[in-house]
Amino acid sequence: MPSLDIQSLLDLALRSTAAAADPCHEDLTCCVERSSLLKRMATLKDLEVRSFSDSNDMEEPVSITGLETFSLSYKVRWPLSIVISKKALTKYQLIFRFLFRCKHVERQLCGAWQVHQGVRAFNISGTAISRSSLLCRSMLKFISSLLHYLTFEVLEPNWHAMHNRLQTAKSIDEVIQHHDFFLDKCLRECLLLLPELLKKVEKLKSLCLQYAAATQWLITSSIDITKLEEPSDSSSASQKLKQLRLKNPSRVQKAITRDAAVTDSILKFEREFNAELQSLGPILSTSSQAEPYLTHLAQWILGVGSDK
C-alpha cells in the first residue's frame, strides 16, 4: 500500500477518535521503514547497545511484512525541536515499533482464540483441537504479560517520573537531560538495548504469528476427523468409521492423514514455543544481576518468584 494511502488512513483514524481534540494531532505522520526492528537496532551505532558488534548476528527475516516496517513520526516544530531532536524522535519510533508489533501479535492470537471458542460445541477432549487451545492460551499469556510489563512496569512509571522531574527543571538543559534520561531508560527496560533478550522475544513473537496464521487450517482440518468420531459411545464411533471405510475409504484415509499432519504441526509449534520460552529463564536470571528490573519481566512472563 502506498505511503500516502497509509497516511490518509491514519488521518481518518485520528479524526474519528478522541485524538481529534489534540491540537497537535495533525503533526503526527506515518512512515515505512526499509528494515526490520532487529536490523534497525544493529545499525544504530550511536545508541549504547550491548553486544551489537556484528550486525550479521541480527538476522533479517526472509520476508518482512508491512506491519513490521510501519512506524509513526512527528513534525517537531520550533521551539519543541530544541528538546526533541532527530535522535530522540528515532528512539520514540523504536519503542513504538516494538509495542505496535506486540499489539499485533496479541490481536492475531485473540483471533485464533475466538476460532477455538467457535468449535467448543465439538467433543474435542484429547484431540488436536484441545492441544491447540492450550497452546493458544500459553501464547496469549506470554504476549499479554509482555505488554503488561512494557506498559505498566516500564513506560507509565518512567513517564510519571520524568513529568515530576520536569516540574522542578530550572533550565532548558535540565529539560533535555530529563527527557533523554527517560528515553534511554525506556529503551533499556523495553529490552531494545539488550540484543540477546530482544532476539529471543522477537523469535517468540514470530512463532506466535506463524501459529495464529495457521490456526484456521489447523482447526478446520481437525474438525473433519472429529466429526467422524462424534458419538460418545466408542462402539458407535468404531461402527461409524467401519461404515465410512466401506462407503468412502478415501475420505476416511484423507481425514486421518490430515489429522496426523495437524497434530504434528501443533506439536512442532508447541515444542518450539516452549523451548524458546524456557531458554529465556537462564538469560533473564543472568541479565537481572546487572539489570534488576528484569526480575519483574521474569515474574510476568515465566512466573519466577510469583509464589513468594
Protein backbone atom coordinates (compact mmCIF):
# COMPACT_ATOMS: atom_id res chain seq x y z
CA MET A 1 0.00 0.00 0.00
CA PRO A 2 1.42 3.45 -0.94
CA SER A 3 2.55 5.61 1.96
CA LEU A 4 0.03 8.31 1.00
CA ASP A 5 -2.82 5.83 1.44
CA ILE A 6 -1.46 4.81 4.85
CA GLN A 7 -1.22 8.46 5.87
CA SER A 8 -4.83 9.02 4.78
CA LEU A 9 -5.97 6.09 6.91
CA LEU A 10 -4.01 7.44 9.87
CA ASP A 11 -5.59 10.89 9.45
CA LEU A 12 -9.04 9.30 9.28
CA ALA A 13 -8.37 7.28 12.43
CA LEU A 14 -7.17 10.36 14.30
CA ARG A 15 -10.18 12.44 13.26
CA SER A 16 -12.65 9.75 14.34
CA THR A 17 -11.26 9.32 17.87
CA ALA A 18 -10.67 11.44 20.96
CA ALA A 19 -7.28 12.33 19.46
CA ALA A 20 -9.08 14.83 17.21
CA ALA A 21 -9.29 17.18 20.22
CA ASP A 22 -5.50 17.25 20.48
CA PRO A 23 -4.27 20.45 18.78
CA CYS A 24 -1.07 18.66 17.70
CA HIS A 25 -2.70 15.61 16.10
CA GLU A 26 -2.08 16.95 12.58
CA ASP A 27 1.66 16.81 13.22
CA LEU A 28 1.54 13.03 13.62
CA THR A 29 2.61 11.21 10.46
CA CYS A 30 3.49 7.68 9.48
CA CYS A 31 6.37 6.16 7.56
CA VAL A 32 7.54 2.80 6.29
CA GLU A 33 10.99 1.63 7.34
CA ARG A 34 13.21 -0.36 4.99
CA SER A 35 14.35 -2.97 7.53
CA SER A 36 13.09 -4.99 10.47
CA LEU A 37 13.38 -3.75 14.04
CA LEU A 38 16.31 -6.09 14.75
CA LYS A 39 18.24 -4.91 11.71
CA ARG A 40 17.47 -1.29 12.54
CA MET A 41 18.85 -1.72 16.06
CA ALA A 42 22.04 -3.23 14.67
CA THR A 43 22.70 -0.14 12.55
CA LEU A 44 22.27 2.41 15.34
CA LYS A 45 25.89 2.74 16.41
CA ASP A 46 25.24 5.88 18.45
CA LEU A 47 22.97 4.09 20.91
CA GLU A 48 24.51 2.30 23.87
CA VAL A 49 23.50 -1.14 22.68
CA ARG A 50 25.15 -4.10 24.34
CA SER A 51 26.99 -6.57 22.06
CA PHE A 52 25.82 -5.26 18.70
CA SER A 53 29.34 -5.54 17.32
CA ASP A 54 28.31 -7.77 14.43
CA SER A 55 25.17 -6.71 12.63
CA ASN A 56 25.06 -10.08 10.86
CA ASP A 57 24.01 -11.63 14.16
CA MET A 58 20.73 -9.75 13.87
CA GLU A 59 19.25 -11.86 11.12
CA GLU A 60 16.89 -10.22 8.67
CA PRO A 61 13.66 -12.18 8.19
CA VAL A 62 13.22 -13.84 4.82
CA SER A 63 10.20 -11.63 4.15
CA ILE A 64 9.18 -8.52 6.06
CA THR A 65 5.51 -7.58 6.27
CA GLY A 66 4.19 -4.06 6.11
CA LEU A 67 3.18 -4.24 9.75
CA GLU A 68 6.80 -4.90 10.73
CA THR A 69 8.03 -1.83 8.87
CA PHE A 70 5.21 0.55 9.84
CA SER A 71 6.22 3.39 12.14
CA LEU A 72 4.96 6.75 13.35
CA SER A 73 6.77 10.04 13.02
CA TYR A 74 6.13 13.58 14.20
CA LYS A 75 6.64 17.03 12.72
CA VAL A 76 8.69 18.56 15.52
CA ARG A 77 8.34 22.32 15.32
CA TRP A 78 10.41 25.02 16.96
CA PRO A 79 10.92 25.53 19.92
CA LEU A 80 9.99 21.91 20.73
CA SER A 81 12.78 20.80 18.39
CA ILE A 82 15.27 22.05 20.97
CA VAL A 83 14.24 19.18 23.27
CA ILE A 84 13.07 16.53 20.80
CA SER A 85 15.99 16.10 18.44
CA LYS A 86 16.07 13.72 15.48
CA LYS A 87 17.90 11.21 17.67
CA ALA A 88 15.21 11.46 20.35
CA LEU A 89 12.50 11.00 17.71
CA THR A 90 14.27 7.86 16.47
CA LYS A 91 14.17 6.44 19.99
CA TYR A 92 10.43 7.08 20.20
CA GLN A 93 9.97 5.31 16.87
CA LEU A 94 11.90 2.25 18.06
CA ILE A 95 9.74 1.96 21.16
CA PHE A 96 6.59 2.41 19.08
CA ARG A 97 7.57 -0.27 16.55
CA PHE A 98 8.25 -2.75 19.33
CA LEU A 99 4.92 -2.04 21.05
CA PHE A 100 3.00 -1.98 17.78
CA ARG A 101 4.16 -5.46 16.81
CA CYS A 102 3.40 -6.77 20.30
CA LYS A 103 -0.17 -5.47 19.97
CA HIS A 104 -0.42 -7.01 16.50
CA VAL A 105 0.67 -10.40 17.86
CA GLU A 106 -1.87 -10.10 20.68
CA ARG A 107 -4.65 -9.25 18.24
CA GLN A 108 -3.82 -12.20 15.97
CA LEU A 109 -3.75 -14.59 18.93
CA CYS A 110 -7.09 -13.24 20.16
CA GLY A 111 -8.48 -14.04 16.72
CA ALA A 112 -7.06 -17.56 16.98
CA TRP A 113 -8.62 -17.94 20.41
CA GLN A 114 -12.01 -16.91 19.02
CA VAL A 115 -11.67 -19.62 16.38
CA HIS A 116 -11.10 -22.17 19.15
CA GLN A 117 -14.11 -20.87 21.07
CA GLY A 118 -16.23 -21.30 17.96
CA VAL A 119 -15.67 -25.07 17.94
CA ARG A 120 -16.37 -25.68 21.63
CA ALA A 121 -19.58 -27.49 20.66
CA PHE A 122 -17.50 -30.40 19.40
CA ASN A 123 -16.34 -33.11 21.74
CA ILE A 124 -12.67 -32.11 21.49
CA SER A 125 -11.27 -33.64 24.65
CA GLY A 126 -7.96 -35.32 23.87
CA THR A 127 -7.93 -34.15 20.25
CA ALA A 128 -5.57 -31.88 18.34
CA ILE A 129 -8.04 -29.02 18.88
CA SER A 130 -7.78 -29.23 22.66
CA ARG A 131 -4.00 -29.28 22.48
CA SER A 132 -4.03 -26.31 20.13
CA SER A 133 -6.34 -24.48 22.53
CA LEU A 134 -3.86 -24.93 25.39
CA LEU A 135 -1.00 -23.70 23.20
CA CYS A 136 -3.01 -20.65 22.15
CA ARG A 137 -3.70 -19.87 25.81
CA SER A 138 0.01 -20.13 26.65
CA MET A 139 0.95 -17.81 23.79
CA LEU A 140 -1.69 -15.29 24.84
CA LYS A 141 -0.38 -15.38 28.41
CA PHE A 142 3.13 -14.67 27.14
CA ILE A 143 2.26 -11.71 24.93
CA SER A 144 -0.23 -10.25 27.45
CA SER A 145 2.37 -10.49 30.22
CA LEU A 146 4.99 -8.86 28.00
CA LEU A 147 2.64 -6.00 27.13
CA HIS A 148 1.71 -5.52 30.78
CA TYR A 149 5.38 -5.30 31.70
CA LEU A 150 6.17 -2.83 28.89
CA THR A 151 3.25 -0.51 29.56
CA PHE A 152 2.65 -0.67 33.32
CA GLU A 153 6.11 -1.61 34.60
CA VAL A 154 8.23 0.47 32.21
CA LEU A 155 6.58 3.22 30.19
CA GLU A 156 3.93 4.56 32.56
CA PRO A 157 6.07 4.82 35.74
CA ASN A 158 9.02 6.26 33.80
CA TRP A 159 6.72 8.82 32.19
CA HIS A 160 5.40 9.96 35.57
CA ALA A 161 8.94 10.12 36.95
CA MET A 162 10.03 12.32 34.04
CA HIS A 163 6.96 14.52 34.45
CA ASN A 164 7.77 15.09 38.12
CA ARG A 165 11.40 15.95 37.33
CA LEU A 166 10.34 18.42 34.65
CA GLN A 167 8.28 20.32 37.21
CA THR A 168 11.46 21.27 39.04
CA ALA A 169 13.67 21.87 35.98
CA LYS A 170 15.21 25.34 36.03
CA SER A 171 16.79 25.44 32.57
CA ILE A 172 16.35 24.05 29.08
CA ASP A 173 19.47 21.94 29.62
CA GLU A 174 17.80 20.22 32.57
CA VAL A 175 14.68 19.59 30.49
CA ILE A 176 16.77 17.95 27.75
CA GLN A 177 18.68 15.92 30.33
CA HIS A 178 15.49 14.60 31.99
CA HIS A 179 13.91 13.81 28.62
CA ASP A 180 16.97 11.96 27.31
CA PHE A 181 17.23 10.02 30.57
CA PHE A 182 13.58 8.98 30.21
CA LEU A 183 14.07 7.73 26.65
CA ASP A 184 17.28 5.84 27.38
CA LYS A 185 15.74 4.19 30.44
CA CYS A 186 12.65 3.15 28.46
CA LEU A 187 14.77 1.76 25.62
CA ARG A 188 16.82 -0.34 28.00
CA GLU A 189 13.92 -1.60 30.10
CA CYS A 190 11.94 -2.40 26.93
CA LEU A 191 14.85 -4.75 26.01
CA LEU A 192 15.76 -2.74 22.92
CA LEU A 193 19.34 -2.27 24.12
CA LEU A 194 19.69 -5.93 25.15
CA PRO A 195 20.12 -7.82 21.85
CA GLU A 196 20.24 -11.34 23.29
CA LEU A 197 16.89 -10.89 25.03
CA LEU A 198 15.42 -8.91 22.15
CA LYS A 199 16.19 -11.68 19.66
CA LYS A 200 14.53 -14.26 21.93
CA VAL A 201 11.40 -12.15 22.34
CA GLU A 202 11.20 -11.44 18.60
CA LYS A 203 11.56 -15.15 17.88
CA LEU A 204 8.71 -15.93 20.27
CA LYS A 205 6.52 -13.30 18.63
CA SER A 206 7.28 -14.72 15.19
CA LEU A 207 6.25 -18.19 16.37
CA CYS A 208 3.02 -16.76 17.75
CA LEU A 209 2.24 -15.09 14.42
CA GLN A 210 3.01 -18.26 12.45
CA TYR A 211 0.75 -20.27 14.74
CA ALA A 212 -2.07 -17.70 14.57
CA ALA A 213 -1.87 -17.67 10.76
CA ALA A 214 -2.10 -21.48 10.66
CA THR A 215 -4.95 -21.75 13.18
CA GLN A 216 -7.81 -21.65 10.67
CA TRP A 217 -6.33 -24.55 8.70
CA LEU A 218 -5.43 -26.48 11.84
CA ILE A 219 -8.90 -26.20 13.36
CA THR A 220 -10.80 -26.85 10.12
CA SER A 221 -8.73 -29.95 9.41
CA SER A 222 -9.15 -31.22 12.97
CA ILE A 223 -12.94 -30.85 12.84
CA ASP A 224 -13.17 -33.22 9.86
CA ILE A 225 -11.79 -36.16 11.80
CA THR A 226 -13.57 -35.06 14.99
CA LYS A 227 -16.91 -35.28 13.20
CA LEU A 228 -16.16 -38.87 12.31
CA GLU A 229 -15.76 -39.63 15.99
CA GLU A 230 -18.69 -37.56 17.29
CA PRO A 231 -20.67 -40.35 19.01
CA SER A 232 -19.64 -40.50 22.67
CA ASP A 233 -20.03 -44.26 22.73
CA SER A 234 -16.75 -45.77 21.49
CA SER A 235 -18.53 -48.74 19.92
CA SER A 236 -20.80 -46.39 17.95
CA ALA A 237 -17.81 -44.38 16.78
CA SER A 238 -15.99 -47.53 15.73
CA GLN A 239 -19.06 -48.76 13.85
CA LYS A 240 -19.42 -45.41 12.08
CA LEU A 241 -15.79 -45.47 10.97
CA LYS A 242 -16.20 -49.01 9.62
CA GLN A 243 -19.24 -47.96 7.61
CA LEU A 244 -17.43 -44.93 6.20
CA ARG A 245 -14.40 -47.01 5.26
CA LEU A 246 -16.66 -49.30 3.26
CA LYS A 247 -18.61 -46.48 1.58
CA ASN A 248 -15.86 -43.89 1.13
CA PRO A 249 -12.48 -45.23 2.23
CA SER A 250 -10.55 -42.40 0.57
CA ARG A 251 -12.37 -39.77 2.63
CA VAL A 252 -11.57 -41.52 5.89
CA GLN A 253 -7.94 -42.04 4.92
CA LYS A 254 -7.52 -38.41 3.90
CA ALA A 255 -9.10 -37.21 7.14
CA ILE A 256 -6.89 -39.45 9.26
CA THR A 257 -3.76 -38.42 7.34
CA ARG A 258 -4.69 -34.77 7.63
CA ASP A 259 -5.38 -35.13 11.35
CA ALA A 260 -1.93 -36.67 11.84
CA ALA A 261 -0.38 -33.76 9.95
CA VAL A 262 -2.34 -31.28 12.07
CA THR A 263 -1.23 -32.95 15.29
CA ASP A 264 2.40 -32.92 14.12
CA SER A 265 2.14 -29.22 13.24
CA ILE A 266 0.68 -28.32 16.64
CA LEU A 267 3.31 -30.39 18.44
CA LYS A 268 6.03 -28.65 16.44
CA PHE A 269 4.70 -25.20 17.35
CA GLU A 270 4.40 -26.33 20.97
CA ARG A 271 7.96 -27.67 21.12
CA GLU A 272 9.49 -24.58 19.53
CA PHE A 273 7.49 -22.14 21.64
CA ASN A 274 8.19 -23.95 24.93
CA ALA A 275 11.89 -24.31 24.09
CA GLU A 276 12.25 -20.60 23.30
CA LEU A 277 10.26 -19.60 26.38
CA GLN A 278 12.28 -21.84 28.69
CA SER A 279 15.55 -20.56 27.23
CA LEU A 280 14.55 -17.08 28.43
CA GLY A 281 14.89 -18.21 32.06
CA PRO A 282 18.70 -18.50 32.25
CA ILE A 283 19.18 -15.33 30.18
CA LEU A 284 16.85 -13.32 32.42
CA SER A 285 18.47 -14.77 35.53
CA THR A 286 21.96 -13.80 34.36
CA SER A 287 20.97 -10.39 33.00
CA SER A 288 18.92 -9.43 36.07
CA GLN A 289 22.11 -9.29 38.16
CA ALA A 290 23.20 -6.25 36.15
CA GLU A 291 19.67 -5.11 35.22
CA PRO A 292 17.43 -5.59 38.33
CA TYR A 293 14.26 -4.50 36.51
CA LEU A 294 14.42 -7.76 34.50
CA THR A 295 13.27 -9.57 37.64
CA HIS A 296 9.83 -8.05 37.04
CA LEU A 297 9.85 -9.27 33.45
CA ALA A 298 10.75 -12.79 34.61
CA GLN A 299 7.89 -12.72 37.10
CA TRP A 300 5.37 -11.71 34.46
CA ILE A 301 6.50 -13.99 31.64
CA LEU A 302 7.86 -17.03 33.46
CA GLY A 303 6.14 -16.74 36.82
CA VAL A 304 9.55 -16.65 38.53
CA GLY A 305 9.12 -15.70 42.15
CA SER A 306 5.34 -15.42 41.82
CA ASP A 307 4.88 -17.74 44.76
CA LYS A 308 6.95 -15.59 47.08
